[in-house]
């Protein structure tokens, strides 16, 4: 009896490329698109979460994006990397959802928000409390800048994309990305100046 064939790890250099997986999906391979998404799930989720700032909205936007990518795979021209194409679809889905959210009435925060239990027990309560407080303030400040500036900052400063890559994802010129980052950073500097004064 022969041993069952082992599935190649997604990071196997001899495995299919992203473009090959996408082409296989278009050709009718039922598993190819799932493998492609599994390969990039963490980064796509991180991008959606950082742009949307809310896990539930991020999950909805990511689901919209994956449905769109699944349906539009045949239109992929190959003039950019598959990951760039996927990131652009995610960003566009986030922008679409943000527009829909802006059009609906705001929901009030729960009254017991200050009594919500901590999700993770901190190792050093004092240090972790300071870090959590700073992270909350940065997240709150990001929420106060425009979605286009926030997306540019997320791609450049948090995801590590180059200006050219971010421009392809956002569908605009590199100069526009640079300008959005510059305006976004200037706005954040004002919103977070008290952190520098304390430090």
C-alpha atoms as a PDB file:
ATOM      1  CA  UNK A   1       0.000   0.000   0.000  1.00  0.00           C
ATOM      2  CA  UNK A   2       1.454   3.353  -0.982  1.00  0.00           C
ATOM      3  CA  UNK A   3       1.476   6.334   1.362  1.00  0.00           C
ATOM      4  CA  UNK A   4      -1.077   9.049   0.552  1.00  0.00           C
ATOM      5  CA  UNK A   5       0.285  11.918  -1.484  1.00  0.00           C
ATOM      6  CA  UNK A   6       1.192  14.902   0.653  1.00  0.00           C
ATOM      7  CA  UNK A   7      -0.178  18.291  -0.304  1.00  0.00           C
ATOM      8  CA  UNK A   8       2.582  20.776  -1.084  1.00  0.00           C
ATOM      9  CA  UNK A   9       2.877  23.645   1.403  1.00  0.00           C
ATOM     10  CA  UNK A  10       1.707  26.982   0.034  1.00  0.00           C
ATOM     11  CA  UNK A  11       5.201  28.423   0.410  1.00  0.00           C
ATOM     12  CA  UNK A  12       6.813  25.592  -1.602  1.00  0.00           C
ATOM     13  CA  UNK A  13       8.948  27.301  -4.283  1.00  0.00           C
ATOM     14  CA  UNK A  14       8.131  24.427  -6.659  1.00  0.00           C
ATOM     15  CA  UNK A  15       4.389  24.934  -6.148  1.00  0.00           C
ATOM     16  CA  UNK A  16       2.165  26.925  -8.468  1.00  0.00           C
ATOM     17  CA  UNK A  17       2.593  30.690  -8.656  1.00  0.00           C
ATOM     18  CA  UNK A  18      -0.257  33.062  -7.854  1.00  0.00           C
ATOM     19  CA  UNK A  19      -0.774  33.678 -11.561  1.00  0.00           C
ATOM     20  CA  UNK A  20      -0.892  29.934 -12.223  1.00  0.00           C
ATOM     21  CA  UNK A  21      -3.470  29.434  -9.484  1.00  0.00           C
ATOM     22  CA  UNK A  22      -5.609  32.247 -10.859  1.00  0.00           C
ATOM     23  CA  UNK A  23      -5.344  30.820 -14.391  1.00  0.00           C
ATOM     24  CA  UNK A  24      -6.254  27.368 -13.075  1.00  0.00           C
ATOM     25  CA  UNK A  25      -9.310  28.856 -11.371  1.00  0.00           C
ATOM     26  CA  UNK A  26     -10.389  30.515 -14.616  1.00  0.00           C
ATOM     27  CA  UNK A  27      -9.885  27.170 -16.393  1.00  0.00           C
ATOM     28  CA  UNK A  28     -12.260  25.484 -13.946  1.00  0.00           C
ATOM     29  CA  UNK A  29     -10.031  24.113 -11.155  1.00  0.00           C
ATOM     30  CA  UNK A  30     -12.335  24.097  -8.102  1.00  0.00           C
ATOM     31  CA  UNK A  31      -9.474  24.215  -5.564  1.00  0.00           C
ATOM     32  CA  UNK A  32      -7.168  26.825  -7.143  1.00  0.00           C
ATOM     33  CA  UNK A  33      -8.961  29.956  -5.934  1.00  0.00           C
ATOM     34  CA  UNK A  34      -9.178  28.594  -2.377  1.00  0.00           C
ATOM     35  CA  UNK A  35      -5.426  27.888  -2.386  1.00  0.00           C
ATOM     36  CA  UNK A  36      -4.750  31.406  -3.661  1.00  0.00           C
ATOM     37  CA  UNK A  37      -6.853  32.961  -0.898  1.00  0.00           C
ATOM     38  CA  UNK A  38      -5.319  30.750   1.791  1.00  0.00           C
ATOM     39  CA  UNK A  39      -1.894  31.925   0.668  1.00  0.00           C
ATOM     40  CA  UNK A  40      -2.778  35.621   1.133  1.00  0.00           C
ATOM     41  CA  UNK A  41      -5.569  35.513   3.737  1.00  0.00           C
ATOM     42  CA  UNK A  42      -3.593  37.094   6.593  1.00  0.00           C
ATOM     43  CA  UNK A  43      -2.432  40.149   4.639  1.00  0.00           C
ATOM     44  CA  UNK A  44      -5.812  40.694   3.004  1.00  0.00           C
ATOM     45  CA  UNK A  45      -7.564  40.503   6.384  1.00  0.00           C
ATOM     46  CA  UNK A  46      -5.016  42.866   7.936  1.00  0.00           C
ATOM     47  CA  UNK A  47      -5.545  45.375   5.122  1.00  0.00           C
ATOM     48  CA  UNK A  48      -9.345  45.232   5.386  1.00  0.00           C
ATOM     49  CA  UNK A  49      -9.239  45.571   9.170  1.00  0.00           C
ATOM     50  CA  UNK A  50      -6.905  48.555   9.099  1.00  0.00           C
ATOM     51  CA  UNK A  51      -8.949  50.394   6.501  1.00  0.00           C
ATOM     52  CA  UNK A  52     -12.338  49.580   8.048  1.00  0.00           C
ATOM     53  CA  UNK A  53     -11.265  49.797  11.752  1.00  0.00           C
ATOM     54  CA  UNK A  54     -14.079  47.424  12.749  1.00  0.00           C
ATOM     55  CA  UNK A  55     -13.771  43.599  12.541  1.00  0.00           C
ATOM     56  CA  UNK A  56     -17.387  43.058  11.504  1.00  0.00           C
ATOM     57  CA  UNK A  57     -17.242  45.655   8.733  1.00  0.00           C
ATOM     58  CA  UNK A  58     -13.799  44.391   7.672  1.00  0.00           C
ATOM     59  CA  UNK A  59     -15.125  40.833   7.400  1.00  0.00           C
ATOM     60  CA  UNK A  60     -18.050  42.037   5.277  1.00  0.00           C
ATOM     61  CA  UNK A  61     -15.771  44.073   3.004  1.00  0.00           C
ATOM     62  CA  UNK A  62     -13.345  41.174   2.647  1.00  0.00           C
ATOM     63  CA  UNK A  63     -16.172  38.816   1.745  1.00  0.00           C
ATOM     64  CA  UNK A  64     -17.419  41.295  -0.876  1.00  0.00           C
ATOM     65  CA  UNK A  65     -13.867  41.547  -2.232  1.00  0.00           C
ATOM     66  CA  UNK A  66     -13.369  37.790  -2.481  1.00  0.00           C
ATOM     67  CA  UNK A  67     -16.682  37.320  -4.283  1.00  0.00           C
ATOM     68  CA  UNK A  68     -15.672  40.078  -6.688  1.00  0.00           C
ATOM     69  CA  UNK A  69     -12.210  38.546  -7.237  1.00  0.00           C
ATOM     70  CA  UNK A  70     -13.749  35.109  -7.803  1.00  0.00           C
ATOM     71  CA  UNK A  71     -16.117  36.484 -10.437  1.00  0.00           C
ATOM     72  CA  UNK A  72     -13.639  38.847 -12.109  1.00  0.00           C
ATOM     73  CA  UNK A  73     -10.658  36.473 -12.254  1.00  0.00           C
ATOM     74  CA  UNK A  74     -11.065  36.098 -16.011  1.00  0.00           C
ATOM     75  CA  UNK A  75     -10.513  39.839 -16.464  1.00  0.00           C
ATOM     76  CA  UNK A  76      -7.067  39.743 -14.768  1.00  0.00           C
ATOM     77  CA  UNK A  77      -4.667  41.006 -17.458  1.00  0.00           C
ATOM     78  CA  UNK A  78      -1.391  40.206 -15.722  1.00  0.00           C
ATOM     79  CA  UNK A  79      -0.031  43.763 -15.935  1.00  0.00           C
ATOM     80  CA  UNK A  80       0.480  43.717 -12.140  1.00  0.00           C
ATOM     81  CA  UNK A  81       1.146  41.004  -9.576  1.00  0.00           C
ATOM     82  CA  UNK A  82      -1.843  38.935  -8.491  1.00  0.00           C
ATOM     83  CA  UNK A  83      -1.325  40.201  -4.924  1.00  0.00           C
ATOM     84  CA  UNK A  84      -1.528  43.799  -6.139  1.00  0.00           C
ATOM     85  CA  UNK A  85      -4.758  42.947  -7.979  1.00  0.00           C
ATOM     86  CA  UNK A  86      -6.217  41.281  -4.854  1.00  0.00           C
ATOM     87  CA  UNK A  87      -5.214  44.189  -2.606  1.00  0.00           C
ATOM     88  CA  UNK A  88      -6.819  46.658  -5.009  1.00  0.00           C
ATOM     89  CA  UNK A  89     -10.073  44.696  -4.958  1.00  0.00           C
ATOM     90  CA  UNK A  90     -10.002  44.647  -1.137  1.00  0.00           C
ATOM     91  CA  UNK A  91      -9.355  48.403  -0.923  1.00  0.00           C
ATOM     92  CA  UNK A  92     -12.175  49.112  -3.380  1.00  0.00           C
ATOM     93  CA  UNK A  93     -14.552  46.862  -1.419  1.00  0.00           C
ATOM     94  CA  UNK A  94     -13.593  48.701   1.780  1.00  0.00           C
ATOM     95  CA  UNK A  95     -14.265  52.082   0.156  1.00  0.00           C
ATOM     96  CA  UNK A  96     -17.640  50.853  -1.128  1.00  0.00           C
ATOM     97  CA  UNK A  97     -18.606  49.630   2.334  1.00  0.00           C
ATOM     98  CA  UNK A  98     -17.377  52.859   3.986  1.00  0.00           C
ATOM     99  CA  UNK A  99     -19.621  54.843   1.624  1.00  0.00           C
ATOM    100  CA  UNK A 100     -22.585  52.643   2.568  1.00  0.00           C
ATOM    101  CA  UNK A 101     -21.794  53.011   6.281  1.00  0.00           C
ATOM    102  CA  UNK A 102     -21.590  56.803   5.933  1.00  0.00           C
ATOM    103  CA  UNK A 103     -25.059  56.800   4.400  1.00  0.00           C
ATOM    104  CA  UNK A 104     -26.697  54.909   7.290  1.00  0.00           C
ATOM    105  CA  UNK A 105     -27.561  56.400  10.708  1.00  0.00           C
ATOM    106  CA  UNK A 106     -24.912  56.112  13.406  1.00  0.00           C
ATOM    107  CA  UNK A 107     -25.433  53.487  16.102  1.00  0.00           C
ATOM    108  CA  UNK A 108     -24.779  54.532  19.711  1.00  0.00           C
ATOM    109  CA  UNK A 109     -21.948  52.896  21.634  1.00  0.00           C
ATOM    110  CA  UNK A 110     -23.006  50.372  24.285  1.00  0.00           C
ATOM    111  CA  UNK A 111     -23.475  51.905  27.744  1.00  0.00           C
ATOM    112  CA  UNK A 112     -21.294  49.273  29.437  1.00  0.00           C
ATOM    113  CA  UNK A 113     -18.303  49.849  27.126  1.00  0.00           C
ATOM    114  CA  UNK A 114     -16.036  50.838  30.037  1.00  0.00           C
ATOM    115  CA  UNK A 115     -16.871  47.564  31.826  1.00  0.00           C
ATOM    116  CA  UNK A 116     -16.043  45.279  28.878  1.00  0.00           C
ATOM    117  CA  UNK A 117     -13.636  42.481  29.877  1.00  0.00           C
ATOM    118  CA  UNK A 118     -10.095  42.523  28.503  1.00  0.00           C
ATOM    119  CA  UNK A 119      -9.571  40.058  25.683  1.00  0.00           C
ATOM    120  CA  UNK A 120      -6.037  39.082  26.723  1.00  0.00           C
ATOM    121  CA  UNK A 121      -4.548  39.048  30.205  1.00  0.00           C
ATOM    122  CA  UNK A 122      -1.471  41.305  30.079  1.00  0.00           C
ATOM    123  CA  UNK A 123       1.951  40.091  31.232  1.00  0.00           C
ATOM    124  CA  UNK A 124       2.935  43.527  32.517  1.00  0.00           C
ATOM    125  CA  UNK A 125      -0.302  45.392  33.263  1.00  0.00           C
ATOM    126  CA  UNK A 126       1.261  48.859  33.406  1.00  0.00           C
ATOM    127  CA  UNK A 127       3.220  48.569  30.152  1.00  0.00           C
ATOM    128  CA  UNK A 128       0.404  46.819  28.330  1.00  0.00           C
ATOM    129  CA  UNK A 129      -2.094  49.420  29.518  1.00  0.00           C
ATOM    130  CA  UNK A 130       0.088  52.240  28.136  1.00  0.00           C
ATOM    131  CA  UNK A 131       0.533  50.406  24.810  1.00  0.00           C
ATOM    132  CA  UNK A 132      -3.187  49.685  24.564  1.00  0.00           C
ATOM    133  CA  UNK A 133      -4.002  53.302  25.329  1.00  0.00           C
ATOM    134  CA  UNK A 134      -1.608  54.574  22.647  1.00  0.00           C
ATOM    135  CA  UNK A 135      -2.928  52.028  20.121  1.00  0.00           C
ATOM    136  CA  UNK A 136      -6.480  53.150  20.869  1.00  0.00           C
ATOM    137  CA  UNK A 137      -5.553  56.801  20.391  1.00  0.00           C
ATOM    138  CA  UNK A 138      -3.781  56.074  17.090  1.00  0.00           C
ATOM    139  CA  UNK A 139      -6.789  54.049  15.887  1.00  0.00           C
ATOM    140  CA  UNK A 140      -9.119  56.860  16.918  1.00  0.00           C
ATOM    141  CA  UNK A 141      -6.937  59.412  15.130  1.00  0.00           C
ATOM    142  CA  UNK A 142      -6.860  57.261  11.970  1.00  0.00           C
ATOM    143  CA  UNK A 143     -10.661  57.219  12.088  1.00  0.00           C
ATOM    144  CA  UNK A 144     -10.665  61.025  11.886  1.00  0.00           C
ATOM    145  CA  UNK A 145      -8.771  61.277   8.597  1.00  0.00           C
ATOM    146  CA  UNK A 146     -10.264  60.601   5.188  1.00  0.00           C
ATOM    147  CA  UNK A 147     -10.566  57.028   3.936  1.00  0.00           C
ATOM    148  CA  UNK A 148      -8.297  57.729   0.953  1.00  0.00           C
ATOM    149  CA  UNK A 149      -5.539  59.079   3.221  1.00  0.00           C
ATOM    150  CA  UNK A 150      -6.044  56.223   5.702  1.00  0.00           C
ATOM    151  CA  UNK A 151      -5.784  53.591   2.938  1.00  0.00           C
ATOM    152  CA  UNK A 152      -2.588  55.173   1.601  1.00  0.00           C
ATOM    153  CA  UNK A 153      -1.025  55.273   5.073  1.00  0.00           C
ATOM    154  CA  UNK A 154      -2.042  51.666   5.779  1.00  0.00           C
ATOM    155  CA  UNK A 155      -0.486  50.441   2.529  1.00  0.00           C
ATOM    156  CA  UNK A 156       2.743  52.449   2.853  1.00  0.00           C
ATOM    157  CA  UNK A 157       3.410  52.684   6.595  1.00  0.00           C
ATOM    158  CA  UNK A 158       1.781  49.505   7.907  1.00  0.00           C
ATOM    159  CA  UNK A 159       1.805  47.052   4.986  1.00  0.00           C
ATOM    160  CA  UNK A 160       5.197  48.177   3.643  1.00  0.00           C
ATOM    161  CA  UNK A 161       4.253  48.726   0.001  1.00  0.00           C
ATOM    162  CA  UNK A 162       6.286  51.060  -2.203  1.00  0.00           C
ATOM    163  CA  UNK A 163       4.656  54.211  -3.598  1.00  0.00           C
ATOM    164  CA  UNK A 164       4.360  52.574  -7.034  1.00  0.00           C
ATOM    165  CA  UNK A 165       2.767  49.402  -5.619  1.00  0.00           C
ATOM    166  CA  UNK A 166       0.335  51.399  -3.484  1.00  0.00           C
ATOM    167  CA  UNK A 167      -0.557  53.530  -6.515  1.00  0.00           C
ATOM    168  CA  UNK A 168      -1.411  50.394  -8.518  1.00  0.00           C
ATOM    169  CA  UNK A 169      -3.546  49.076  -5.652  1.00  0.00           C
ATOM    170  CA  UNK A 170      -5.364  52.384  -5.195  1.00  0.00           C
ATOM    171  CA  UNK A 171      -5.674  53.039  -8.917  1.00  0.00           C
ATOM    172  CA  UNK A 172      -4.029  56.452  -8.881  1.00  0.00           C
ATOM    173  CA  UNK A 173      -0.684  58.100  -9.613  1.00  0.00           C
ATOM    174  CA  UNK A 174       2.269  57.623  -7.200  1.00  0.00           C
ATOM    175  CA  UNK A 175       2.250  61.389  -6.646  1.00  0.00           C
ATOM    176  CA  UNK A 176      -1.336  61.166  -5.452  1.00  0.00           C
ATOM    177  CA  UNK A 177      -0.389  58.440  -2.956  1.00  0.00           C
ATOM    178  CA  UNK A 178       2.534  60.542  -1.739  1.00  0.00           C
ATOM    179  CA  UNK A 179       0.264  63.558  -1.332  1.00  0.00           C
ATOM    180  CA  UNK A 180      -2.372  61.530   0.551  1.00  0.00           C
ATOM    181  CA  UNK A 181       0.303  60.126   2.886  1.00  0.00           C
ATOM    182  CA  UNK A 182       1.748  63.577   3.473  1.00  0.00           C
ATOM    183  CA  UNK A 183      -1.655  65.106   4.282  1.00  0.00           C
ATOM    184  CA  UNK A 184      -2.616  62.107   6.412  1.00  0.00           C
ATOM    185  CA  UNK A 185       0.626  62.201   8.415  1.00  0.00           C
ATOM    186  CA  UNK A 186       0.273  65.961   8.942  1.00  0.00           C
ATOM    187  CA  UNK A 187      -3.264  65.467  10.241  1.00  0.00           C
ATOM    188  CA  UNK A 188      -2.171  62.595  12.507  1.00  0.00           C
ATOM    189  CA  UNK A 189       0.692  64.700  13.865  1.00  0.00           C
ATOM    190  CA  UNK A 190      -1.827  67.315  14.997  1.00  0.00           C
ATOM    191  CA  UNK A 191      -4.258  64.761  16.405  1.00  0.00           C
ATOM    192  CA  UNK A 192      -1.504  62.899  18.286  1.00  0.00           C
ATOM    193  CA  UNK A 193       0.748  65.799  19.316  1.00  0.00           C
ATOM    194  CA  UNK A 194      -0.154  65.266  22.982  1.00  0.00           C
ATOM    195  CA  UNK A 195       1.598  61.865  22.872  1.00  0.00           C
ATOM    196  CA  UNK A 196       4.867  63.536  21.883  1.00  0.00           C
ATOM    197  CA  UNK A 197       4.436  66.172  24.583  1.00  0.00           C
ATOM    198  CA  UNK A 198       3.919  63.474  27.226  1.00  0.00           C
ATOM    199  CA  UNK A 199       6.864  61.407  25.976  1.00  0.00           C
END
